[in-house]
Amino acid sequence: MAPRIRPLTKDDVAPEVRRLLEQAERAFGQPLASTGIQAYAPPILEASRALGAAPARSGTLPASLRPLVCLRVAQMAGCPF
Protein backbone atom coordinates (compact mmCIF):
# COMPACT_ATOMS: atom_id res chain seq x y z
CA MET A 1 0.00 0.00 0.00
CA ALA A 2 1.41 3.36 -1.00
CA PRO A 3 1.53 6.10 1.65
CA ARG A 4 -0.88 9.01 1.23
CA ILE A 5 1.92 11.46 1.93
CA ARG A 6 4.90 11.35 -0.42
CA PRO A 7 7.98 10.38 1.60
CA LEU A 8 10.86 12.83 1.31
CA THR A 9 14.08 11.56 -0.20
CA LYS A 10 17.69 12.44 0.58
CA ASP A 11 17.54 14.98 -2.24
CA ASP A 12 14.55 16.78 -0.67
CA VAL A 13 15.95 17.51 2.79
CA ALA A 14 18.58 19.55 4.60
CA PRO A 15 22.00 17.95 5.17
CA GLU A 16 21.34 17.12 8.85
CA VAL A 17 18.13 15.28 7.95
CA ARG A 18 19.84 13.62 4.98
CA ARG A 19 22.27 12.00 7.43
CA LEU A 20 19.35 10.45 9.34
CA LEU A 21 17.74 9.16 6.13
CA GLU A 22 21.05 7.63 5.03
CA GLN A 23 21.49 5.92 8.40
CA ALA A 24 18.01 4.42 8.17
CA GLU A 25 18.68 3.25 4.62
CA ARG A 26 21.91 1.54 5.70
CA ALA A 27 20.15 -0.12 8.64
CA PHE A 28 17.21 -1.45 6.62
CA GLY A 29 18.74 -1.81 3.18
CA GLN A 30 16.26 0.55 1.55
CA PRO A 31 14.59 3.86 2.32
CA LEU A 32 11.59 3.39 4.60
CA ALA A 33 8.43 5.32 3.79
CA SER A 34 7.87 6.09 7.46
CA THR A 35 11.30 7.70 7.77
CA GLY A 36 10.70 9.79 4.66
CA ILE A 37 7.35 10.94 5.98
CA GLN A 38 8.76 11.80 9.41
CA ALA A 39 11.42 13.87 7.63
CA TYR A 40 8.76 16.54 7.05
CA ALA A 41 9.13 17.28 10.78
CA PRO A 42 12.77 16.67 11.79
CA PRO A 43 12.02 16.83 15.56
CA ILE A 44 9.52 13.99 15.11
CA LEU A 45 12.05 12.00 13.07
CA GLU A 46 14.69 12.44 15.76
CA ALA A 47 12.25 11.52 18.55
CA SER A 48 11.15 8.41 16.66
CA ARG A 49 14.75 7.32 16.20
CA ALA A 50 15.45 7.87 19.91
CA LEU A 51 12.38 5.85 20.85
CA GLY A 52 13.45 3.02 18.55
CA ALA A 53 16.96 2.98 20.02
CA ALA A 54 15.85 3.13 23.66
CA PRO A 55 15.57 -0.64 24.27
CA ALA A 56 19.16 -1.19 23.14
CA ARG A 57 20.46 1.69 25.26
CA SER A 58 18.53 0.66 28.35
CA GLY A 59 20.49 -2.54 28.84
CA THR A 60 17.28 -4.20 30.06
CA LEU A 61 17.14 -6.80 27.28
CA PRO A 62 20.11 -9.00 26.46
CA ALA A 63 21.52 -8.17 23.02
CA SER A 64 20.65 -11.67 21.77
CA LEU A 65 16.98 -11.21 22.70
CA ARG A 66 16.39 -7.74 21.15
CA PRO A 67 16.02 -8.94 17.53
CA LEU A 68 13.49 -11.56 18.61
CA VAL A 69 11.48 -8.96 20.51
CA CYS A 70 11.53 -6.64 17.48
CA LEU A 71 10.41 -9.48 15.21
CA ARG A 72 7.55 -10.45 17.53
CA VAL A 73 6.35 -6.86 17.90
CA ALA A 74 6.45 -6.44 14.12
CA GLN A 75 4.42 -9.65 13.69
CA MET A 76 1.84 -8.53 16.23
CA ALA A 77 1.54 -5.14 14.51
CA GLY A 78 1.31 -6.72 11.06
CA CYS A 79 4.51 -5.03 9.88
CA PRO A 80 7.26 -6.64 7.81
CA PHE A 81 10.57 -6.87 9.61
PDB file of N, CA and C in Angstrom:
ATOM      1  N   MET A   1       0.847  -1.176   0.000  1.00  0.00           N
ATOM      2  CA  MET A   1       0.000   0.000   0.000  1.00  0.00           C
ATOM      3  C   MET A   1       0.897   1.245   0.000  1.00  0.00           C
ATOM      4  N   ALA A   2       0.629   2.127  -0.900  1.00  0.00           N
ATOM      5  CA  ALA A   2       1.408   3.364  -1.002  1.00  0.00           C
ATOM      6  C   ALA A   2       0.956   4.367   0.060  1.00  0.00           C
ATOM      7  N   PRO A   3       1.912   5.084   0.654  1.00  0.00           N
ATOM      8  CA  PRO A   3       1.530   6.096   1.646  1.00  0.00           C
ATOM      9  C   PRO A   3       0.773   7.242   0.984  1.00  0.00           C
ATOM     10  N   ARG A   4      -0.120   7.857   1.743  1.00  0.00           N
ATOM     11  CA  ARG A   4      -0.884   9.009   1.231  1.00  0.00           C
ATOM     12  C   ARG A   4      -0.016  10.251   1.127  1.00  0.00           C
ATOM     13  N   ILE A   5       0.992  10.332   1.957  1.00  0.00           N
ATOM     14  CA  ILE A   5       1.923  11.458   1.933  1.00  0.00           C
ATOM     15  C   ILE A   5       3.197  10.974   1.244  1.00  0.00           C
ATOM     16  N   ARG A   6       3.686  11.745   0.288  1.00  0.00           N
ATOM     17  CA  ARG A   6       4.900  11.354  -0.424  1.00  0.00           C
ATOM     18  C   ARG A   6       6.090  11.442   0.531  1.00  0.00           C
ATOM     19  N   PRO A   7       6.789  10.328   0.746  1.00  0.00           N
ATOM     20  CA  PRO A   7       7.979  10.378   1.600  1.00  0.00           C
ATOM     21  C   PRO A   7       9.056  11.252   0.968  1.00  0.00           C
ATOM     22  N   LEU A   8       9.737  12.026   1.786  1.00  0.00           N
ATOM     23  CA  LEU A   8      10.856  12.827   1.308  1.00  0.00           C
ATOM     24  C   LEU A   8      12.043  11.908   1.044  1.00  0.00           C
ATOM     25  N   THR A   9      12.870  12.302   0.099  1.00  0.00           N
ATOM     26  CA  THR A   9      14.085  11.560  -0.204  1.00  0.00           C
ATOM     27  C   THR A   9      15.288  12.364   0.288  1.00  0.00           C
ATOM     28  N   LYS A  10      16.457  11.761   0.172  1.00  0.00           N
ATOM     29  CA  LYS A  10      17.689  12.443   0.582  1.00  0.00           C
ATOM     30  C   LYS A  10      17.890  13.739  -0.195  1.00  0.00           C
ATOM     31  N   ASP A  11      17.379  13.777  -1.415  1.00  0.00           N
ATOM     32  CA  ASP A  11      17.535  14.980  -2.240  1.00  0.00           C
ATOM     33  C   ASP A  11      16.586  16.109  -1.841  1.00  0.00           C
ATOM     34  N   ASP A  12      15.567  15.797  -1.045  1.00  0.00           N
ATOM     35  CA  ASP A  12      14.547  16.779  -0.666  1.00  0.00           C
ATOM     36  C   ASP A  12      14.831  17.502   0.646  1.00  0.00           C
ATOM     37  N   VAL A  13      15.811  17.043   1.400  1.00  0.00           N
ATOM     38  CA  VAL A  13      15.949  17.506   2.786  1.00  0.00           C
ATOM     39  C   VAL A  13      17.280  18.221   3.024  1.00  0.00           C
ATOM     40  N   ALA A  14      17.355  18.881   4.167  1.00  0.00           N
ATOM     41  CA  ALA A  14      18.577  19.554   4.603  1.00  0.00           C
ATOM     42  C   ALA A  14      19.648  18.511   4.941  1.00  0.00           C
ATOM     43  N   PRO A  15      20.911  18.904   4.922  1.00  0.00           N
ATOM     44  CA  PRO A  15      22.002  17.949   5.175  1.00  0.00           C
ATOM     45  C   PRO A  15      21.883  17.178   6.489  1.00  0.00           C
ATOM     46  N   GLU A  16      21.433  17.840   7.558  1.00  0.00           N
ATOM     47  CA  GLU A  16      21.344  17.121   8.845  1.00  0.00           C
ATOM     48  C   GLU A  16      20.259  16.050   8.819  1.00  0.00           C
ATOM     49  N   VAL A  17      19.188  16.286   8.079  1.00  0.00           N
ATOM     50  CA  VAL A  17      18.131  15.275   7.951  1.00  0.00           C
ATOM     51  C   VAL A  17      18.573  14.197   6.964  1.00  0.00           C
ATOM     52  N   ARG A  18      19.321  14.581   5.952  1.00  0.00           N
ATOM     53  CA  ARG A  18      19.844  13.621   4.978  1.00  0.00           C
ATOM     54  C   ARG A  18      20.651  12.541   5.688  1.00  0.00           C
ATOM     55  N   ARG A  19      21.456  12.960   6.663  1.00  0.00           N
ATOM     56  CA  ARG A  19      22.271  12.003   7.425  1.00  0.00           C
ATOM     57  C   ARG A  19      21.391  10.951   8.105  1.00  0.00           C
ATOM     58  N   LEU A  20      20.262  11.385   8.678  1.00  0.00           N
ATOM     59  CA  LEU A  20      19.349  10.448   9.336  1.00  0.00           C
ATOM     60  C   LEU A  20      18.706   9.490   8.338  1.00  0.00           C
ATOM     61  N   LEU A  21      18.335  10.014   7.168  1.00  0.00           N
ATOM     62  CA  LEU A  21      17.738   9.158   6.133  1.00  0.00           C
ATOM     63  C   LEU A  21      18.762   8.142   5.631  1.00  0.00           C
ATOM     64  N   GLU A  22      20.002   8.553   5.478  1.00  0.00           N
ATOM     65  CA  GLU A  22      21.047   7.635   5.030  1.00  0.00           C
ATOM     66  C   GLU A  22      21.324   6.550   6.067  1.00  0.00           C
ATOM     67  N   GLN A  23      21.292   6.914   7.342  1.00  0.00           N
ATOM     68  CA  GLN A  23      21.494   5.918   8.400  1.00  0.00           C
ATOM     69  C   GLN A  23      20.370   4.885   8.382  1.00  0.00           C
ATOM     70  N   ALA A  24      19.141   5.347   8.217  1.00  0.00           N
ATOM     71  CA  ALA A  24      18.005   4.424   8.171  1.00  0.00           C
ATOM     72  C   ALA A  24      18.107   3.508   6.952  1.00  0.00           C
ATOM     73  N   GLU A  25      18.539   4.058   5.830  1.00  0.00           N
ATOM     74  CA  GLU A  25      18.680   3.255   4.617  1.00  0.00           C
ATOM     75  C   GLU A  25      19.750   2.176   4.806  1.00  0.00           C
ATOM     76  N   ARG A  26      20.862   2.534   5.439  1.00  0.00           N
ATOM     77  CA  ARG A  26      21.907   1.535   5.704  1.00  0.00           C
ATOM     78  C   ARG A  26      21.395   0.452   6.649  1.00  0.00           C
ATOM     79  N   ALA A  27      20.633   0.851   7.646  1.00  0.00           N
ATOM     80  CA  ALA A  27      20.148  -0.119   8.636  1.00  0.00           C
ATOM     81  C   ALA A  27      19.137  -1.092   8.048  1.00  0.00           C
ATOM     82  N   PHE A  28      18.287  -0.618   7.137  1.00  0.00           N
ATOM     83  CA  PHE A  28      17.209  -1.451   6.624  1.00  0.00           C
ATOM     84  C   PHE A  28      17.399  -1.887   5.173  1.00  0.00           C
ATOM     85  N   GLY A  29      18.456  -1.401   4.536  1.00  0.00           N
ATOM     86  CA  GLY A  29      18.741  -1.807   3.176  1.00  0.00           C
ATOM     87  C   GLY A  29      17.974  -1.054   2.100  1.00  0.00           C
ATOM     88  N   GLN A  30      17.041  -0.253   2.501  1.00  0.00           N
ATOM     89  CA  GLN A  30      16.262   0.551   1.553  1.00  0.00           C
ATOM     90  C   GLN A  30      15.630   1.713   2.322  1.00  0.00           C
ATOM     91  N   PRO A  31      15.264   2.760   1.620  1.00  0.00           N
ATOM     92  CA  PRO A  31      14.593   3.863   2.317  1.00  0.00           C
ATOM     93  C   PRO A  31      13.218   3.399   2.824  1.00  0.00           C
ATOM     94  N   LEU A  32      12.905   3.726   4.046  1.00  0.00           N
ATOM     95  CA  LEU A  32      11.594   3.389   4.599  1.00  0.00           C
ATOM     96  C   LEU A  32      10.645   4.565   4.403  1.00  0.00           C
ATOM     97  N   ALA A  33       9.418   4.265   3.991  1.00  0.00           N
ATOM     98  CA  ALA A  33       8.426   5.321   3.786  1.00  0.00           C
ATOM     99  C   ALA A  33       8.190   6.098   5.079  1.00  0.00           C
ATOM    100  N   SER A  34       8.139   5.399   6.195  1.00  0.00           N
ATOM    101  CA  SER A  34       7.868   6.086   7.465  1.00  0.00           C
ATOM    102  C   SER A  34       8.959   7.107   7.792  1.00  0.00           C
ATOM    103  N   THR A  35      10.203   6.775   7.506  1.00  0.00           N
ATOM    104  CA  THR A  35      11.298   7.699   7.768  1.00  0.00           C
ATOM    105  C   THR A  35      11.185   8.922   6.862  1.00  0.00           C
ATOM    106  N   GLY A  36      10.859   8.681   5.600  1.00  0.00           N
ATOM    107  CA  GLY A  36      10.697   9.787   4.660  1.00  0.00           C
ATOM    108  C   GLY A  36       9.541  10.695   5.015  1.00  0.00           C
ATOM    109  N   ILE A  37       8.497  10.130   5.571  1.00  0.00           N
ATOM    110  CA  ILE A  37       7.346  10.943   5.984  1.00  0.00           C
ATOM    111  C   ILE A  37       7.686  11.731   7.248  1.00  0.00           C
ATOM    112  N   GLN A  38       8.360  11.091   8.191  1.00  0.00           N
ATOM    113  CA  GLN A  38       8.756  11.800   9.412  1.00  0.00           C
ATOM    114  C   GLN A  38       9.753  12.913   9.120  1.00  0.00           C
ATOM    115  N   ALA A  39      10.443  12.840   7.988  1.00  0.00           N
ATOM    116  CA  ALA A  39      11.422  13.867   7.628  1.00  0.00           C
ATOM    117  C   ALA A  39      10.775  15.228   7.379  1.00  0.00           C
ATOM    118  N   TYR A  40       9.454  15.252   7.176  1.00  0.00           N
ATOM    119  CA  TYR A  40       8.764  16.543   7.050  1.00  0.00           C
ATOM    120  C   TYR A  40       8.867  17.338   8.349  1.00  0.00           C
ATOM    121  N   ALA A  41       9.015  16.643   9.469  1.00  0.00           N
ATOM    122  CA  ALA A  41       9.131  17.283  10.782  1.00  0.00           C
ATOM    123  C   ALA A  41      10.359  16.694  11.477  1.00  0.00           C
ATOM    124  N   PRO A  42      11.544  17.247  11.239  1.00  0.00           N
ATOM    125  CA  PRO A  42      12.768  16.669  11.794  1.00  0.00           C
ATOM    126  C   PRO A  42      12.730  16.377  13.302  1.00  0.00           C
ATOM    127  N   PRO A  43      12.084  17.203  14.144  1.00  0.00           N
ATOM    128  CA  PRO A  43      12.022  16.827  15.563  1.00  0.00           C
ATOM    129  C   PRO A  43      11.268  15.510  15.792  1.00  0.00           C
ATOM    130  N   ILE A  44      10.251  15.250  14.986  1.00  0.00           N
ATOM    131  CA  ILE A  44       9.522  13.987  15.114  1.00  0.00           C
ATOM    132  C   ILE A  44      10.402  12.835  14.651  1.00  0.00           C
ATOM    133  N   LEU A  45      11.136  13.033  13.566  1.00  0.00           N
ATOM    134  CA  LEU A  45      12.052  12.001  13.075  1.00  0.00           C
ATOM    135  C   LEU A  45      13.093  11.669  14.134  1.00  0.00           C
ATOM    136  N   GLU A  46      13.678  12.673  14.727  1.00  0.00           N
ATOM    137  CA  GLU A  46      14.690  12.440  15.763  1.00  0.00           C
ATOM    138  C   GLU A  46      14.091  11.746  16.988  1.00  0.00           C
ATOM    139  N   ALA A  47      12.899  12.152  17.392  1.00  0.00           N
ATOM    140  CA  ALA A  47      12.251  11.516  18.550  1.00  0.00           C
ATOM    141  C   ALA A  47      11.919  10.059  18.254  1.00  0.00           C
ATOM    142  N   SER A  48      11.470   9.785  17.041  1.00  0.00           N
ATOM    143  CA  SER A  48      11.151   8.411  16.655  1.00  0.00           C
ATOM    144  C   SER A  48      12.395   7.537  16.681  1.00  0.00           C
ATOM    145  N   ARG A  49      13.489   8.079  16.185  1.00  0.00           N
ATOM    146  CA  ARG A  49      14.750   7.322  16.202  1.00  0.00           C
ATOM    147  C   ARG A  49      15.204   7.058  17.642  1.00  0.00           C
ATOM    148  N   ALA A  50      15.060   8.048  18.506  1.00  0.00           N
ATOM    149  CA  ALA A  50      15.448   7.871  19.909  1.00  0.00           C
ATOM    150  C   ALA A  50      14.576   6.818  20.582  1.00  0.00           C
ATOM    151  N   LEU A  51      13.294   6.837  20.277  1.00  0.00           N
ATOM    152  CA  LEU A  51      12.381   5.847  20.849  1.00  0.00           C
ATOM    153  C   LEU A  51      12.755   4.446  20.373  1.00  0.00           C
ATOM    154  N   GLY A  52      13.070   4.321  19.092  1.00  0.00           N
ATOM    155  CA  GLY A  52      13.448   3.018  18.553  1.00  0.00           C
ATOM    156  C   GLY A  52      14.753   2.493  19.122  1.00  0.00           C
ATOM    157  N   ALA A  53      15.658   3.385  19.479  1.00  0.00           N
ATOM    158  CA  ALA A  53      16.958   2.982  20.017  1.00  0.00           C
ATOM    159  C   ALA A  53      16.935   2.761  21.527  1.00  0.00           C
ATOM    160  N   ALA A  54      15.898   3.194  22.192  1.00  0.00           N
ATOM    161  CA  ALA A  54      15.846   3.135  23.658  1.00  0.00           C
ATOM    162  C   ALA A  54      16.016   1.727  24.224  1.00  0.00           C
ATOM    163  N   PRO A  55      15.368   0.698  23.678  1.00  0.00           N
ATOM    164  CA  PRO A  55      15.565  -0.641  24.269  1.00  0.00           C
ATOM    165  C   PRO A  55      17.028  -1.088  24.257  1.00  0.00           C
ATOM    166  N   ALA A  56      17.750  -0.787  23.200  1.00  0.00           N
ATOM    167  CA  ALA A  56      19.160  -1.189  23.139  1.00  0.00           C
ATOM    168  C   ALA A  56      19.991  -0.413  24.160  1.00  0.00           C
ATOM    169  N   ARG A  57      19.692   0.860  24.312  1.00  0.00           N
ATOM    170  CA  ARG A  57      20.461   1.690  25.256  1.00  0.00           C
ATOM    171  C   ARG A  57      20.128   1.375  26.709  1.00  0.00           C
ATOM    172  N   SER A  58      18.938   0.879  26.959  1.00  0.00           N
ATOM    173  CA  SER A  58      18.525   0.663  28.348  1.00  0.00           C
ATOM    174  C   SER A  58      19.294  -0.448  29.034  1.00  0.00           C
ATOM    175  N   GLY A  59      19.777  -1.411  28.250  1.00  0.00           N
ATOM    176  CA  GLY A  59      20.486  -2.536  28.843  1.00  0.00           C
ATOM    177  C   GLY A  59      19.561  -3.530  29.517  1.00  0.00           C
ATOM    178  N   THR A  60      18.247  -3.319  29.410  1.00  0.00           N
ATOM    179  CA  THR A  60      17.281  -4.202  30.063  1.00  0.00           C
ATOM    180  C   THR A  60      17.201  -5.564  29.371  1.00  0.00           C
ATOM    181  N   LEU A  61      17.215  -5.547  28.041  1.00  0.00           N
ATOM    182  CA  LEU A  61      17.145  -6.798  27.281  1.00  0.00           C
ATOM    183  C   LEU A  61      18.545  -7.234  26.871  1.00  0.00           C
ATOM    184  N   PRO A  62      18.826  -8.528  26.980  1.00  0.00           N
ATOM    185  CA  PRO A  62      20.107  -8.995  26.460  1.00  0.00           C
ATOM    186  C   PRO A  62      20.172  -8.756  24.948  1.00  0.00           C
ATOM    187  N   ALA A  63      21.352  -8.466  24.442  1.00  0.00           N
ATOM    188  CA  ALA A  63      21.516  -8.171  23.018  1.00  0.00           C
ATOM    189  C   ALA A  63      20.981  -9.296  22.143  1.00  0.00           C
ATOM    190  N   SER A  64      21.113 -10.536  22.578  1.00  0.00           N
ATOM    191  CA  SER A  64      20.648 -11.670  21.773  1.00  0.00           C
ATOM    192  C   SER A  64      19.123 -11.761  21.714  1.00  0.00           C
ATOM    193  N   LEU A  65      18.436 -11.139  22.658  1.00  0.00           N
ATOM    194  CA  LEU A  65      16.975 -11.207  22.700  1.00  0.00           C
ATOM    195  C   LEU A  65      16.308 -10.056  21.948  1.00  0.00           C
ATOM    196  N   ARG A  66      16.985  -8.921  21.805  1.00  0.00           N
ATOM    197  CA  ARG A  66      16.392  -7.742  21.153  1.00  0.00           C
ATOM    198  C   ARG A  66      15.845  -8.017  19.752  1.00  0.00           C
ATOM    199  N   PRO A  67      16.586  -8.690  18.866  1.00  0.00           N
ATOM    200  CA  PRO A  67      16.025  -8.941  17.526  1.00  0.00           C
ATOM    201  C   PRO A  67      14.755  -9.791  17.565  1.00  0.00           C
ATOM    202  N   LEU A  68      14.693 -10.724  18.489  1.00  0.00           N
ATOM    203  CA  LEU A  68      13.487 -11.556  18.609  1.00  0.00           C
ATOM    204  C   LEU A  68      12.294 -10.738  19.097  1.00  0.00           C
ATOM    205  N   VAL A  69      12.541  -9.833  20.017  1.00  0.00           N
ATOM    206  CA  VAL A  69      11.480  -8.958  20.508  1.00  0.00           C
ATOM    207  C   VAL A  69      10.991  -8.058  19.367  1.00  0.00           C
ATOM    208  N   CYS A  70      11.912  -7.498  18.616  1.00  0.00           N
ATOM    209  CA  CYS A  70      11.533  -6.645  17.477  1.00  0.00           C
ATOM    210  C   CYS A  70      10.719  -7.426  16.462  1.00  0.00           C
ATOM    211  N   LEU A  71      11.137  -8.646  16.175  1.00  0.00           N
ATOM    212  CA  LEU A  71      10.409  -9.476  15.214  1.00  0.00           C
ATOM    213  C   LEU A  71       9.000  -9.774  15.714  1.00  0.00           C
ATOM    214  N   ARG A  72       8.877 -10.124  16.978  1.00  0.00           N
ATOM    215  CA  ARG A  72       7.548 -10.450  17.526  1.00  0.00           C
ATOM    216  C   ARG A  72       6.640  -9.226  17.533  1.00  0.00           C
ATOM    217  N   VAL A  73       7.155  -8.086  17.906  1.00  0.00           N
ATOM    218  CA  VAL A  73       6.347  -6.861  17.901  1.00  0.00           C
ATOM    219  C   VAL A  73       5.904  -6.536  16.477  1.00  0.00           C
ATOM    220  N   ALA A  74       6.801  -6.687  15.521  1.00  0.00           N
ATOM    221  CA  ALA A  74       6.448  -6.436  14.115  1.00  0.00           C
ATOM    222  C   ALA A  74       5.350  -7.400  13.660  1.00  0.00           C
ATOM    223  N   GLN A  75       5.446  -8.661  14.042  1.00  0.00           N
ATOM    224  CA  GLN A  75       4.422  -9.650  13.685  1.00  0.00           C
ATOM    225  C   GLN A  75       3.082  -9.262  14.294  1.00  0.00           C
ATOM    226  N   MET A  76       3.091  -8.882  15.548  1.00  0.00           N
ATOM    227  CA  MET A  76       1.840  -8.527  16.226  1.00  0.00           C
ATOM    228  C   MET A  76       1.201  -7.276  15.597  1.00  0.00           C
ATOM    229  N   ALA A  77       2.040  -6.369  15.112  1.00  0.00           N
ATOM    230  CA  ALA A  77       1.542  -5.141  14.512  1.00  0.00           C
ATOM    231  C   ALA A  77       1.228  -5.311  13.028  1.00  0.00           C
ATOM    232  N   GLY A  78       1.563  -6.465  12.474  1.00  0.00           N
ATOM    233  CA  GLY A  78       1.313  -6.717  11.062  1.00  0.00           C
ATOM    234  C   GLY A  78       2.293  -6.007  10.151  1.00  0.00           C
ATOM    235  N   CYS A  79       3.498  -5.742  10.655  1.00  0.00           N
ATOM    236  CA  CYS A  79       4.514  -5.031   9.879  1.00  0.00           C
ATOM    237  C   CYS A  79       5.596  -6.001   9.425  1.00  0.00           C
ATOM    238  N   PRO A  80       6.115  -5.798   8.220  1.00  0.00           N
ATOM    239  CA  PRO A  80       7.256  -6.635   7.811  1.00  0.00           C
ATOM    240  C   PRO A  80       8.497  -6.223   8.592  1.00  0.00           C
ATOM    241  N   PHE A  81       9.314  -7.164   8.888  1.00  0.00           N
ATOM    242  CA  PHE A  81      10.567  -6.868   9.614  1.00  0.00           C
ATOM    243  C   PHE A  81      11.663  -7.713   9.004  1.00  0.00           C
TER     244      PHE A  81
END
